[in-house]
mmCIF file of all heavy atoms, coordinates in Angstrom:
data_MODEL
# 
_entry.id   MODEL 
# 
loop_
_atom_site.group_PDB 
_atom_site.id 
_atom_site.type_symbol 
_atom_site.label_atom_id 
_atom_site.label_alt_id 
_atom_site.label_comp_id 
_atom_site.label_asym_id 
_atom_site.label_entity_id 
_atom_site.label_seq_id 
_atom_site.pdbx_PDB_ins_code 
_atom_site.Cartn_x 
_atom_site.Cartn_y 
_atom_site.Cartn_z 
_atom_site.occupancy 
_atom_site.B_iso_or_equiv 
_atom_site.pdbx_formal_charge 
_atom_site.auth_seq_id 
_atom_site.auth_comp_id 
_atom_site.auth_asym_id 
_atom_site.auth_atom_id 
_atom_site.pdbx_PDB_model_num 
ATOM 1   N N   . MET A 1 1  ? 15.894 -199.449 65.954 1.00 0.00 ? 1  MET A N   1 
ATOM 2   C CA  . MET A 1 1  ? 16.309 -198.337 66.795 1.00 0.00 ? 1  MET A CA  1 
ATOM 3   C C   . MET A 1 1  ? 16.024 -196.991 66.266 1.00 0.00 ? 1  MET A C   1 
ATOM 4   O O   . MET A 1 1  ? 16.809 -196.332 65.525 1.00 0.00 ? 1  MET A O   1 
ATOM 5   C CB  . MET A 1 1  ? 17.909 -198.440 67.104 1.00 0.00 ? 1  MET A CB  1 
ATOM 6   C CG  . MET A 1 1  ? 18.269 -197.727 68.301 1.00 0.00 ? 1  MET A CG  1 
ATOM 7   S SD  . MET A 1 1  ? 20.042 -197.989 68.724 1.00 0.00 ? 1  MET A SD  1 
ATOM 8   C CE  . MET A 1 1  ? 19.964 -199.694 69.194 1.00 0.00 ? 1  MET A CE  1 
ATOM 9   N N   . PHE A 1 2  ? 14.789 -196.538 66.477 1.00 0.00 ? 2  PHE A N   1 
ATOM 10  C CA  . PHE A 1 2  ? 14.227 -195.369 65.881 1.00 0.00 ? 2  PHE A CA  1 
ATOM 11  C C   . PHE A 1 2  ? 15.144 -194.151 66.015 1.00 0.00 ? 2  PHE A C   1 
ATOM 12  O O   . PHE A 1 2  ? 15.259 -193.447 65.034 1.00 0.00 ? 2  PHE A O   1 
ATOM 13  C CB  . PHE A 1 2  ? 12.865 -195.172 66.480 1.00 0.00 ? 2  PHE A CB  1 
ATOM 14  C CG  . PHE A 1 2  ? 12.219 -193.957 65.982 1.00 0.00 ? 2  PHE A CG  1 
ATOM 15  C CD1 . PHE A 1 2  ? 11.445 -193.969 64.763 1.00 0.00 ? 2  PHE A CD1 1 
ATOM 16  C CD2 . PHE A 1 2  ? 12.041 -192.751 66.720 1.00 0.00 ? 2  PHE A CD2 1 
ATOM 17  C CE1 . PHE A 1 2  ? 10.803 -192.911 64.303 1.00 0.00 ? 2  PHE A CE1 1 
ATOM 18  C CE2 . PHE A 1 2  ? 11.354 -191.632 66.238 1.00 0.00 ? 2  PHE A CE2 1 
ATOM 19  C CZ  . PHE A 1 2  ? 10.809 -191.771 65.040 1.00 0.00 ? 2  PHE A CZ  1 
ATOM 20  N N   . SER A 1 3  ? 15.712 -193.972 67.139 1.00 0.00 ? 3  SER A N   1 
ATOM 21  C CA  . SER A 1 3  ? 16.489 -192.798 67.368 1.00 0.00 ? 3  SER A CA  1 
ATOM 22  C C   . SER A 1 3  ? 17.800 -192.717 66.560 1.00 0.00 ? 3  SER A C   1 
ATOM 23  O O   . SER A 1 3  ? 18.461 -191.696 66.611 1.00 0.00 ? 3  SER A O   1 
ATOM 24  C CB  . SER A 1 3  ? 16.814 -192.618 68.899 1.00 0.00 ? 3  SER A CB  1 
ATOM 25  O OG  . SER A 1 3  ? 17.612 -193.726 69.267 1.00 0.00 ? 3  SER A OG  1 
ATOM 26  N N   . ARG A 1 4  ? 18.166 -193.747 65.996 1.00 0.00 ? 4  ARG A N   1 
ATOM 27  C CA  . ARG A 1 4  ? 19.404 -193.757 65.152 1.00 0.00 ? 4  ARG A CA  1 
ATOM 28  C C   . ARG A 1 4  ? 19.052 -193.575 63.643 1.00 0.00 ? 4  ARG A C   1 
ATOM 29  O O   . ARG A 1 4  ? 20.032 -193.681 62.861 1.00 0.00 ? 4  ARG A O   1 
ATOM 30  C CB  . ARG A 1 4  ? 20.154 -195.166 65.245 1.00 0.00 ? 4  ARG A CB  1 
ATOM 31  C CG  . ARG A 1 4  ? 20.696 -195.299 66.746 1.00 0.00 ? 4  ARG A CG  1 
ATOM 32  C CD  . ARG A 1 4  ? 21.679 -194.242 67.113 1.00 0.00 ? 4  ARG A CD  1 
ATOM 33  N NE  . ARG A 1 4  ? 22.721 -194.114 66.187 1.00 0.00 ? 4  ARG A NE  1 
ATOM 34  C CZ  . ARG A 1 4  ? 23.874 -194.881 66.283 1.00 0.00 ? 4  ARG A CZ  1 
ATOM 35  N NH1 . ARG A 1 4  ? 23.985 -195.824 67.308 1.00 0.00 ? 4  ARG A NH1 1 
ATOM 36  N NH2 . ARG A 1 4  ? 24.893 -194.690 65.405 1.00 0.00 ? 4  ARG A NH2 1 
ATOM 37  N N   . TYR A 1 5  ? 17.809 -193.350 63.350 1.00 0.00 ? 5  TYR A N   1 
ATOM 38  C CA  . TYR A 1 5  ? 17.398 -193.192 62.005 1.00 0.00 ? 5  TYR A CA  1 
ATOM 39  C C   . TYR A 1 5  ? 16.890 -191.822 61.703 1.00 0.00 ? 5  TYR A C   1 
ATOM 40  O O   . TYR A 1 5  ? 16.114 -191.287 62.450 1.00 0.00 ? 5  TYR A O   1 
ATOM 41  C CB  . TYR A 1 5  ? 16.272 -194.225 61.646 1.00 0.00 ? 5  TYR A CB  1 
ATOM 42  C CG  . TYR A 1 5  ? 16.810 -195.620 61.368 1.00 0.00 ? 5  TYR A CG  1 
ATOM 43  C CD1 . TYR A 1 5  ? 17.263 -196.394 62.499 1.00 0.00 ? 5  TYR A CD1 1 
ATOM 44  C CD2 . TYR A 1 5  ? 16.764 -196.157 60.129 1.00 0.00 ? 5  TYR A CD2 1 
ATOM 45  C CE1 . TYR A 1 5  ? 17.703 -197.687 62.187 1.00 0.00 ? 5  TYR A CE1 1 
ATOM 46  C CE2 . TYR A 1 5  ? 17.218 -197.429 59.847 1.00 0.00 ? 5  TYR A CE2 1 
ATOM 47  C CZ  . TYR A 1 5  ? 17.770 -198.249 60.945 1.00 0.00 ? 5  TYR A CZ  1 
ATOM 48  O OH  . TYR A 1 5  ? 18.199 -199.458 60.715 1.00 0.00 ? 5  TYR A OH  1 
ATOM 49  N N   . SER A 1 6  ? 17.269 -191.303 60.546 1.00 0.00 ? 6  SER A N   1 
ATOM 50  C CA  . SER A 1 6  ? 16.609 -190.095 60.012 1.00 0.00 ? 6  SER A CA  1 
ATOM 51  C C   . SER A 1 6  ? 15.290 -190.624 59.387 1.00 0.00 ? 6  SER A C   1 
ATOM 52  O O   . SER A 1 6  ? 15.140 -191.631 58.928 1.00 0.00 ? 6  SER A O   1 
ATOM 53  C CB  . SER A 1 6  ? 17.458 -189.395 58.859 1.00 0.00 ? 6  SER A CB  1 
ATOM 54  O OG  . SER A 1 6  ? 18.722 -189.091 59.519 1.00 0.00 ? 6  SER A OG  1 
ATOM 55  N N   . MET A 1 7  ? 14.296 -189.682 59.482 1.00 0.00 ? 7  MET A N   1 
ATOM 56  C CA  . MET A 1 7  ? 12.883 -190.013 59.085 1.00 0.00 ? 7  MET A CA  1 
ATOM 57  C C   . MET A 1 7  ? 12.523 -189.027 57.956 1.00 0.00 ? 7  MET A C   1 
ATOM 58  O O   . MET A 1 7  ? 12.902 -187.875 57.949 1.00 0.00 ? 7  MET A O   1 
ATOM 59  C CB  . MET A 1 7  ? 11.987 -189.975 60.197 1.00 0.00 ? 7  MET A CB  1 
ATOM 60  C CG  . MET A 1 7  ? 12.221 -190.947 61.349 1.00 0.00 ? 7  MET A CG  1 
ATOM 61  S SD  . MET A 1 7  ? 12.203 -192.650 60.824 1.00 0.00 ? 7  MET A SD  1 
ATOM 62  C CE  . MET A 1 7  ? 10.443 -192.820 60.418 1.00 0.00 ? 7  MET A CE  1 
ATOM 63  N N   . GLY A 1 8  ? 11.642 -189.564 57.080 1.00 0.00 ? 8  GLY A N   1 
ATOM 64  C CA  . GLY A 1 8  ? 11.177 -188.711 55.991 1.00 0.00 ? 8  GLY A CA  1 
ATOM 65  C C   . GLY A 1 8  ? 9.736  -189.001 55.724 1.00 0.00 ? 8  GLY A C   1 
ATOM 66  O O   . GLY A 1 8  ? 9.182  -190.070 56.037 1.00 0.00 ? 8  GLY A O   1 
ATOM 67  N N   . TRP A 1 9  ? 9.073  -188.086 54.999 1.00 0.00 ? 9  TRP A N   1 
ATOM 68  C CA  . TRP A 1 9  ? 7.758  -188.178 54.442 1.00 0.00 ? 9  TRP A CA  1 
ATOM 69  C C   . TRP A 1 9  ? 7.853  -188.021 52.954 1.00 0.00 ? 9  TRP A C   1 
ATOM 70  O O   . TRP A 1 9  ? 8.555  -187.063 52.496 1.00 0.00 ? 9  TRP A O   1 
ATOM 71  C CB  . TRP A 1 9  ? 6.725  -187.214 55.020 1.00 0.00 ? 9  TRP A CB  1 
ATOM 72  C CG  . TRP A 1 9  ? 6.348  -187.480 56.471 1.00 0.00 ? 9  TRP A CG  1 
ATOM 73  C CD1 . TRP A 1 9  ? 6.861  -186.946 57.634 1.00 0.00 ? 9  TRP A CD1 1 
ATOM 74  C CD2 . TRP A 1 9  ? 5.301  -188.261 56.865 1.00 0.00 ? 9  TRP A CD2 1 
ATOM 75  N NE1 . TRP A 1 9  ? 6.231  -187.408 58.681 1.00 0.00 ? 9  TRP A NE1 1 
ATOM 76  C CE2 . TRP A 1 9  ? 5.174  -188.224 58.259 1.00 0.00 ? 9  TRP A CE2 1 
ATOM 77  C CE3 . TRP A 1 9  ? 4.400  -189.152 56.168 1.00 0.00 ? 9  TRP A CE3 1 
ATOM 78  C CZ2 . TRP A 1 9  ? 4.296  -189.008 59.006 1.00 0.00 ? 9  TRP A CZ2 1 
ATOM 79  C CZ3 . TRP A 1 9  ? 3.437  -189.877 56.881 1.00 0.00 ? 9  TRP A CZ3 1 
ATOM 80  C CH2 . TRP A 1 9  ? 3.425  -189.799 58.336 1.00 0.00 ? 9  TRP A CH2 1 
ATOM 81  N N   . PHE A 1 10 ? 7.218  -188.893 52.226 1.00 0.00 ? 10 PHE A N   1 
ATOM 82  C CA  . PHE A 1 10 ? 7.093  -188.762 50.785 1.00 0.00 ? 10 PHE A CA  1 
ATOM 83  C C   . PHE A 1 10 ? 5.560  -188.899 50.463 1.00 0.00 ? 10 PHE A C   1 
ATOM 84  O O   . PHE A 1 10 ? 4.755  -189.241 51.309 1.00 0.00 ? 10 PHE A O   1 
ATOM 85  C CB  . PHE A 1 10 ? 7.752  -189.955 50.135 1.00 0.00 ? 10 PHE A CB  1 
ATOM 86  C CG  . PHE A 1 10 ? 9.326  -189.922 50.230 1.00 0.00 ? 10 PHE A CG  1 
ATOM 87  C CD1 . PHE A 1 10 ? 9.915  -190.207 51.473 1.00 0.00 ? 10 PHE A CD1 1 
ATOM 88  C CD2 . PHE A 1 10 ? 10.159 -189.440 49.204 1.00 0.00 ? 10 PHE A CD2 1 
ATOM 89  C CE1 . PHE A 1 10 ? 11.355 -190.202 51.578 1.00 0.00 ? 10 PHE A CE1 1 
ATOM 90  C CE2 . PHE A 1 10 ? 11.489 -189.317 49.354 1.00 0.00 ? 10 PHE A CE2 1 
ATOM 91  C CZ  . PHE A 1 10 ? 12.074 -189.763 50.530 1.00 0.00 ? 10 PHE A CZ  1 
ATOM 92  N N   . ARG A 1 11 ? 5.219  -188.562 49.196 1.00 0.00 ? 11 ARG A N   1 
ATOM 93  C CA  . ARG A 1 11 ? 3.865  -188.718 48.775 1.00 0.00 ? 11 ARG A CA  1 
ATOM 94  C C   . ARG A 1 11 ? 3.784  -189.068 47.340 1.00 0.00 ? 11 ARG A C   1 
ATOM 95  O O   . ARG A 1 11 ? 4.766  -188.775 46.543 1.00 0.00 ? 11 ARG A O   1 
ATOM 96  C CB  . ARG A 1 11 ? 3.140  -187.346 49.042 1.00 0.00 ? 11 ARG A CB  1 
ATOM 97  C CG  . ARG A 1 11 ? 3.524  -186.138 48.096 1.00 0.00 ? 11 ARG A CG  1 
ATOM 98  C CD  . ARG A 1 11 ? 2.821  -184.930 48.519 1.00 0.00 ? 11 ARG A CD  1 
ATOM 99  N NE  . ARG A 1 11 ? 3.238  -183.833 47.724 1.00 0.00 ? 11 ARG A NE  1 
ATOM 100 C CZ  . ARG A 1 11 ? 2.803  -182.535 47.971 1.00 0.00 ? 11 ARG A CZ  1 
ATOM 101 N NH1 . ARG A 1 11 ? 1.956  -182.287 49.014 1.00 0.00 ? 11 ARG A NH1 1 
ATOM 102 N NH2 . ARG A 1 11 ? 3.174  -181.582 47.112 1.00 0.00 ? 11 ARG A NH2 1 
ATOM 103 N N   . GLN A 1 12 ? 2.695  -189.654 46.939 1.00 0.00 ? 12 GLN A N   1 
ATOM 104 C CA  . GLN A 1 12 ? 2.456  -190.111 45.605 1.00 0.00 ? 12 GLN A CA  1 
ATOM 105 C C   . GLN A 1 12 ? 1.024  -189.770 45.160 1.00 0.00 ? 12 GLN A C   1 
ATOM 106 O O   . GLN A 1 12 ? 0.044  -190.327 45.781 1.00 0.00 ? 12 GLN A O   1 
ATOM 107 C CB  . GLN A 1 12 ? 2.702  -191.615 45.414 1.00 0.00 ? 12 GLN A CB  1 
ATOM 108 C CG  . GLN A 1 12 ? 2.661  -191.996 43.960 1.00 0.00 ? 12 GLN A CG  1 
ATOM 109 C CD  . GLN A 1 12 ? 3.194  -193.384 43.724 1.00 0.00 ? 12 GLN A CD  1 
ATOM 110 O OE1 . GLN A 1 12 ? 3.330  -194.131 44.640 1.00 0.00 ? 12 GLN A OE1 1 
ATOM 111 N NE2 . GLN A 1 12 ? 3.643  -193.721 42.493 1.00 0.00 ? 12 GLN A NE2 1 
ATOM 112 N N   . ALA A 1 13 ? 0.941  -188.824 44.276 1.00 0.00 ? 13 ALA A N   1 
ATOM 113 C CA  . ALA A 1 13 ? -0.414 -188.469 43.656 1.00 0.00 ? 13 ALA A CA  1 
ATOM 114 C C   . ALA A 1 13 ? -0.784 -189.370 42.533 1.00 0.00 ? 13 ALA A C   1 
ATOM 115 O O   . ALA A 1 13 ? 0.100  -190.091 41.913 1.00 0.00 ? 13 ALA A O   1 
ATOM 116 C CB  . ALA A 1 13 ? -0.358 -187.033 43.219 1.00 0.00 ? 13 ALA A CB  1 
ATOM 117 N N   . PRO A 1 14 ? -2.055 -189.538 42.327 1.00 0.00 ? 14 PRO A N   1 
ATOM 118 C CA  . PRO A 1 14 ? -2.469 -190.416 41.219 1.00 0.00 ? 14 PRO A CA  1 
ATOM 119 C C   . PRO A 1 14 ? -1.794 -190.073 39.798 1.00 0.00 ? 14 PRO A C   1 
ATOM 120 O O   . PRO A 1 14 ? -1.724 -188.917 39.499 1.00 0.00 ? 14 PRO A O   1 
ATOM 121 C CB  . PRO A 1 14 ? -4.017 -190.176 41.134 1.00 0.00 ? 14 PRO A CB  1 
ATOM 122 C CG  . PRO A 1 14 ? -4.358 -189.726 42.469 1.00 0.00 ? 14 PRO A CG  1 
ATOM 123 C CD  . PRO A 1 14 ? -3.209 -188.891 43.016 1.00 0.00 ? 14 PRO A CD  1 
ATOM 124 N N   . GLY A 1 15 ? -1.247 -191.102 39.207 1.00 0.00 ? 15 GLY A N   1 
ATOM 125 C CA  . GLY A 1 15 ? -0.573 -190.912 37.930 1.00 0.00 ? 15 GLY A CA  1 
ATOM 126 C C   . GLY A 1 15 ? 0.831  -190.234 38.008 1.00 0.00 ? 15 GLY A C   1 
ATOM 127 O O   . GLY A 1 15 ? 1.407  -189.928 36.944 1.00 0.00 ? 15 GLY A O   1 
ATOM 128 N N   . LYS A 1 16 ? 1.319  -190.064 39.207 1.00 0.00 ? 16 LYS A N   1 
ATOM 129 C CA  . LYS A 1 16 ? 2.577  -189.342 39.420 1.00 0.00 ? 16 LYS A CA  1 
ATOM 130 C C   . LYS A 1 16 ? 3.594  -190.285 40.126 1.00 0.00 ? 16 LYS A C   1 
ATOM 131 O O   . LYS A 1 16 ? 3.169  -191.208 40.866 1.00 0.00 ? 16 LYS A O   1 
ATOM 132 C CB  . LYS A 1 16 ? 2.433  -188.054 40.063 1.00 0.00 ? 16 LYS A CB  1 
ATOM 133 C CG  . LYS A 1 16 ? 1.621  -186.938 39.246 1.00 0.00 ? 16 LYS A CG  1 
ATOM 134 C CD  . LYS A 1 16 ? 1.680  -185.680 39.947 1.00 0.00 ? 16 LYS A CD  1 
ATOM 135 C CE  . LYS A 1 16 ? 0.938  -184.607 39.064 1.00 0.00 ? 16 LYS A CE  1 
ATOM 136 N NZ  . LYS A 1 16 ? 0.909  -183.218 39.675 1.00 0.00 ? 16 LYS A NZ  1 
ATOM 137 N N   . GLU A 1 17 ? 4.833  -189.913 40.020 1.00 0.00 ? 17 GLU A N   1 
ATOM 138 C CA  . GLU A 1 17 ? 5.781  -190.653 40.803 1.00 0.00 ? 17 GLU A CA  1 
ATOM 139 C C   . GLU A 1 17 ? 5.837  -190.144 42.253 1.00 0.00 ? 17 GLU A C   1 
ATOM 140 O O   . GLU A 1 17 ? 5.393  -189.078 42.507 1.00 0.00 ? 17 GLU A O   1 
ATOM 141 C CB  . GLU A 1 17 ? 7.227  -190.415 40.112 1.00 0.00 ? 17 GLU A CB  1 
ATOM 142 C CG  . GLU A 1 17 ? 7.330  -191.051 38.759 1.00 0.00 ? 17 GLU A CG  1 
ATOM 143 C CD  . GLU A 1 17 ? 8.782  -190.907 38.237 1.00 0.00 ? 17 GLU A CD  1 
ATOM 144 O OE1 . GLU A 1 17 ? 9.649  -190.320 38.864 1.00 0.00 ? 17 GLU A OE1 1 
ATOM 145 O OE2 . GLU A 1 17 ? 9.030  -191.544 37.208 1.00 0.00 ? 17 GLU A OE2 1 
ATOM 146 N N   . ARG A 1 18 ? 6.299  -191.018 43.123 1.00 0.00 ? 18 ARG A N   1 
ATOM 147 C CA  . ARG A 1 18 ? 6.441  -190.672 44.525 1.00 0.00 ? 18 ARG A CA  1 
ATOM 148 C C   . ARG A 1 18 ? 7.469  -189.591 44.607 1.00 0.00 ? 18 ARG A C   1 
ATOM 149 O O   . ARG A 1 18 ? 8.529  -189.656 43.982 1.00 0.00 ? 18 ARG A O   1 
ATOM 150 C CB  . ARG A 1 18 ? 6.796  -191.817 45.411 1.00 0.00 ? 18 ARG A CB  1 
ATOM 151 C CG  . ARG A 1 18 ? 6.773  -191.622 46.801 1.00 0.00 ? 18 ARG A CG  1 
ATOM 152 C CD  . ARG A 1 18 ? 6.572  -192.954 47.593 1.00 0.00 ? 18 ARG A CD  1 
ATOM 153 N NE  . ARG A 1 18 ? 7.657  -193.928 47.280 1.00 0.00 ? 18 ARG A NE  1 
ATOM 154 C CZ  . ARG A 1 18 ? 7.671  -195.101 47.824 1.00 0.00 ? 18 ARG A CZ  1 
ATOM 155 N NH1 . ARG A 1 18 ? 6.658  -195.515 48.609 1.00 0.00 ? 18 ARG A NH1 1 
ATOM 156 N NH2 . ARG A 1 18 ? 8.667  -195.915 47.488 1.00 0.00 ? 18 ARG A NH2 1 
ATOM 157 N N   . GLU A 1 19 ? 7.228  -188.574 45.417 1.00 0.00 ? 19 GLU A N   1 
ATOM 158 C CA  . GLU A 1 19 ? 8.156  -187.422 45.626 1.00 0.00 ? 19 GLU A CA  1 
ATOM 159 C C   . GLU A 1 19 ? 8.411  -187.115 47.013 1.00 0.00 ? 19 GLU A C   1 
ATOM 160 O O   . GLU A 1 19 ? 7.631  -187.521 47.987 1.00 0.00 ? 19 GLU A O   1 
ATOM 161 C CB  . GLU A 1 19 ? 7.534  -186.177 44.962 1.00 0.00 ? 19 GLU A CB  1 
ATOM 162 C CG  . GLU A 1 19 ? 6.281  -185.659 45.607 1.00 0.00 ? 19 GLU A CG  1 
ATOM 163 C CD  . GLU A 1 19 ? 5.746  -184.462 44.994 1.00 0.00 ? 19 GLU A CD  1 
ATOM 164 O OE1 . GLU A 1 19 ? 6.336  -183.954 43.923 1.00 0.00 ? 19 GLU A OE1 1 
ATOM 165 O OE2 . GLU A 1 19 ? 4.670  -183.895 45.531 1.00 0.00 ? 19 GLU A OE2 1 
ATOM 166 N N   . PHE A 1 20 ? 9.531  -186.480 47.325 1.00 0.00 ? 20 PHE A N   1 
ATOM 167 C CA  . PHE A 1 20 ? 9.979  -186.110 48.599 1.00 0.00 ? 20 PHE A CA  1 
ATOM 168 C C   . PHE A 1 20 ? 9.050  -185.070 49.150 1.00 0.00 ? 20 PHE A C   1 
ATOM 169 O O   . PHE A 1 20 ? 8.788  -184.096 48.462 1.00 0.00 ? 20 PHE A O   1 
ATOM 170 C CB  . PHE A 1 20 ? 11.376 -185.685 48.590 1.00 0.00 ? 20 PHE A CB  1 
ATOM 171 C CG  . PHE A 1 20 ? 11.871 -185.094 49.864 1.00 0.00 ? 20 PHE A CG  1 
ATOM 172 C CD1 . PHE A 1 20 ? 12.254 -185.813 50.977 1.00 0.00 ? 20 PHE A CD1 1 
ATOM 173 C CD2 . PHE A 1 20 ? 12.039 -183.656 49.931 1.00 0.00 ? 20 PHE A CD2 1 
ATOM 174 C CE1 . PHE A 1 20 ? 12.642 -185.215 52.123 1.00 0.00 ? 20 PHE A CE1 1 
ATOM 175 C CE2 . PHE A 1 20 ? 12.505 -183.053 50.992 1.00 0.00 ? 20 PHE A CE2 1 
ATOM 176 C CZ  . PHE A 1 20 ? 12.790 -183.855 52.191 1.00 0.00 ? 20 PHE A CZ  1 
ATOM 177 N N   . VAL A 1 21 ? 8.770  -185.035 50.459 1.00 0.00 ? 21 VAL A N   1 
ATOM 178 C CA  . VAL A 1 21 ? 7.985  -184.030 51.115 1.00 0.00 ? 21 VAL A CA  1 
ATOM 179 C C   . VAL A 1 21 ? 8.907  -183.352 52.215 1.00 0.00 ? 21 VAL A C   1 
ATOM 180 O O   . VAL A 1 21 ? 9.020  -182.106 52.189 1.00 0.00 ? 21 VAL A O   1 
ATOM 181 C CB  . VAL A 1 21 ? 6.730  -184.516 51.734 1.00 0.00 ? 21 VAL A CB  1 
ATOM 182 C CG1 . VAL A 1 21 ? 6.003  -183.451 52.503 1.00 0.00 ? 21 VAL A CG1 1 
ATOM 183 C CG2 . VAL A 1 21 ? 5.822  -185.091 50.621 1.00 0.00 ? 21 VAL A CG2 1 
ATOM 184 N N   . ALA A 1 22 ? 9.344  -184.110 53.151 1.00 0.00 ? 22 ALA A N   1 
ATOM 185 C CA  . ALA A 1 22 ? 10.082 -183.513 54.240 1.00 0.00 ? 22 ALA A CA  1 
ATOM 186 C C   . ALA A 1 22 ? 10.859 -184.606 54.893 1.00 0.00 ? 22 ALA A C   1 
ATOM 187 O O   . ALA A 1 22 ? 10.661 -185.756 54.814 1.00 0.00 ? 22 ALA A O   1 
ATOM 188 C CB  . ALA A 1 22 ? 9.129  -182.917 55.344 1.00 0.00 ? 22 ALA A CB  1 
ATOM 189 N N   . ALA A 1 23 ? 11.930 -184.185 55.591 1.00 0.00 ? 23 ALA A N   1 
ATOM 190 C CA  . ALA A 1 23 ? 12.907 -185.175 56.376 1.00 0.00 ? 23 ALA A CA  1 
ATOM 191 C C   . ALA A 1 23 ? 13.344 -184.436 57.611 1.00 0.00 ? 23 ALA A C   1 
ATOM 192 O O   . ALA A 1 23 ? 13.454 -183.191 57.702 1.00 0.00 ? 23 ALA A O   1 
ATOM 193 C CB  . ALA A 1 23 ? 13.972 -185.555 55.485 1.00 0.00 ? 23 ALA A CB  1 
ATOM 194 N N   . VAL A 1 24 ? 13.575 -185.197 58.584 1.00 0.00 ? 24 VAL A N   1 
ATOM 195 C CA  . VAL A 1 24 ? 14.159 -184.769 59.840 1.00 0.00 ? 24 VAL A CA  1 
ATOM 196 C C   . VAL A 1 24 ? 15.243 -185.594 60.329 1.00 0.00 ? 24 VAL A C   1 
ATOM 197 O O   . VAL A 1 24 ? 15.334 -186.720 60.103 1.00 0.00 ? 24 VAL A O   1 
ATOM 198 C CB  . VAL A 1 24 ? 12.975 -184.804 60.898 1.00 0.00 ? 24 VAL A CB  1 
ATOM 199 C CG1 . VAL A 1 24 ? 12.510 -186.130 61.244 1.00 0.00 ? 24 VAL A CG1 1 
ATOM 200 C CG2 . VAL A 1 24 ? 13.354 -184.051 62.179 1.00 0.00 ? 24 VAL A CG2 1 
ATOM 201 N N   . SER A 1 25 ? 16.299 -184.901 60.961 1.00 0.00 ? 25 SER A N   1 
ATOM 202 C CA  . SER A 1 25 ? 17.383 -185.713 61.481 1.00 0.00 ? 25 SER A CA  1 
ATOM 203 C C   . SER A 1 25 ? 17.018 -186.597 62.619 1.00 0.00 ? 25 SER A C   1 
ATOM 204 O O   . SER A 1 25 ? 15.986 -186.487 63.205 1.00 0.00 ? 25 SER A O   1 
ATOM 205 C CB  . SER A 1 25 ? 18.494 -184.722 61.977 1.00 0.00 ? 25 SER A CB  1 
ATOM 206 O OG  . SER A 1 25 ? 17.923 -183.887 63.016 1.00 0.00 ? 25 SER A OG  1 
ATOM 207 N N   . TRP A 1 26 ? 17.928 -187.448 63.086 1.00 0.00 ? 26 TRP A N   1 
ATOM 208 C CA  . TRP A 1 26 ? 17.728 -188.424 64.083 1.00 0.00 ? 26 TRP A CA  1 
ATOM 209 C C   . TRP A 1 26 ? 17.378 -187.789 65.408 1.00 0.00 ? 26 TRP A C   1 
ATOM 210 O O   . TRP A 1 26 ? 16.495 -188.271 66.195 1.00 0.00 ? 26 TRP A O   1 
ATOM 211 C CB  . TRP A 1 26 ? 18.923 -189.296 64.314 1.00 0.00 ? 26 TRP A CB  1 
ATOM 212 C CG  . TRP A 1 26 ? 20.157 -188.543 64.778 1.00 0.00 ? 26 TRP A CG  1 
ATOM 213 C CD1 . TRP A 1 26 ? 21.143 -188.012 64.013 1.00 0.00 ? 26 TRP A CD1 1 
ATOM 214 C CD2 . TRP A 1 26 ? 20.488 -188.369 66.115 1.00 0.00 ? 26 TRP A CD2 1 
ATOM 215 N NE1 . TRP A 1 26 ? 22.089 -187.369 64.842 1.00 0.00 ? 26 TRP A NE1 1 
ATOM 216 C CE2 . TRP A 1 26 ? 21.707 -187.584 66.160 1.00 0.00 ? 26 TRP A CE2 1 
ATOM 217 C CE3 . TRP A 1 26 ? 19.906 -188.721 67.404 1.00 0.00 ? 26 TRP A CE3 1 
ATOM 218 C CZ2 . TRP A 1 26 ? 22.373 -187.232 67.374 1.00 0.00 ? 26 TRP A CZ2 1 
ATOM 219 C CZ3 . TRP A 1 26 ? 20.533 -188.315 68.541 1.00 0.00 ? 26 TRP A CZ3 1 
ATOM 220 C CH2 . TRP A 1 26 ? 21.773 -187.560 68.496 1.00 0.00 ? 26 TRP A CH2 1 
ATOM 221 N N   . SER A 1 27 ? 17.905 -186.593 65.633 1.00 0.00 ? 27 SER A N   1 
ATOM 222 C CA  . SER A 1 27 ? 17.606 -185.905 66.877 1.00 0.00 ? 27 SER A CA  1 
ATOM 223 C C   . SER A 1 27 ? 16.414 -184.986 66.868 1.00 0.00 ? 27 SER A C   1 
ATOM 224 O O   . SER A 1 27 ? 15.830 -184.584 67.837 1.00 0.00 ? 27 SER A O   1 
ATOM 225 C CB  . SER A 1 27 ? 18.793 -185.070 67.268 1.00 0.00 ? 27 SER A CB  1 
ATOM 226 O OG  . SER A 1 27 ? 18.932 -183.903 66.406 1.00 0.00 ? 27 SER A OG  1 
ATOM 227 N N   . GLY A 1 28 ? 15.958 -184.724 65.557 1.00 0.00 ? 28 GLY A N   1 
ATOM 228 C CA  . GLY A 1 28 ? 14.906 -183.807 65.459 1.00 0.00 ? 28 GLY A CA  1 
ATOM 229 C C   . GLY A 1 28 ? 15.279 -182.365 65.361 1.00 0.00 ? 28 GLY A C   1 
ATOM 230 O O   . GLY A 1 28 ? 14.473 -181.458 65.173 1.00 0.00 ? 28 GLY A O   1 
# 
């Protein structure tokens, strides 16, 4: 149920740990 979930973007560069980029609430 997509509309009940908060969504986020993360990224991982070569040789680095995955890191937070952005997040949005369930409503946007």
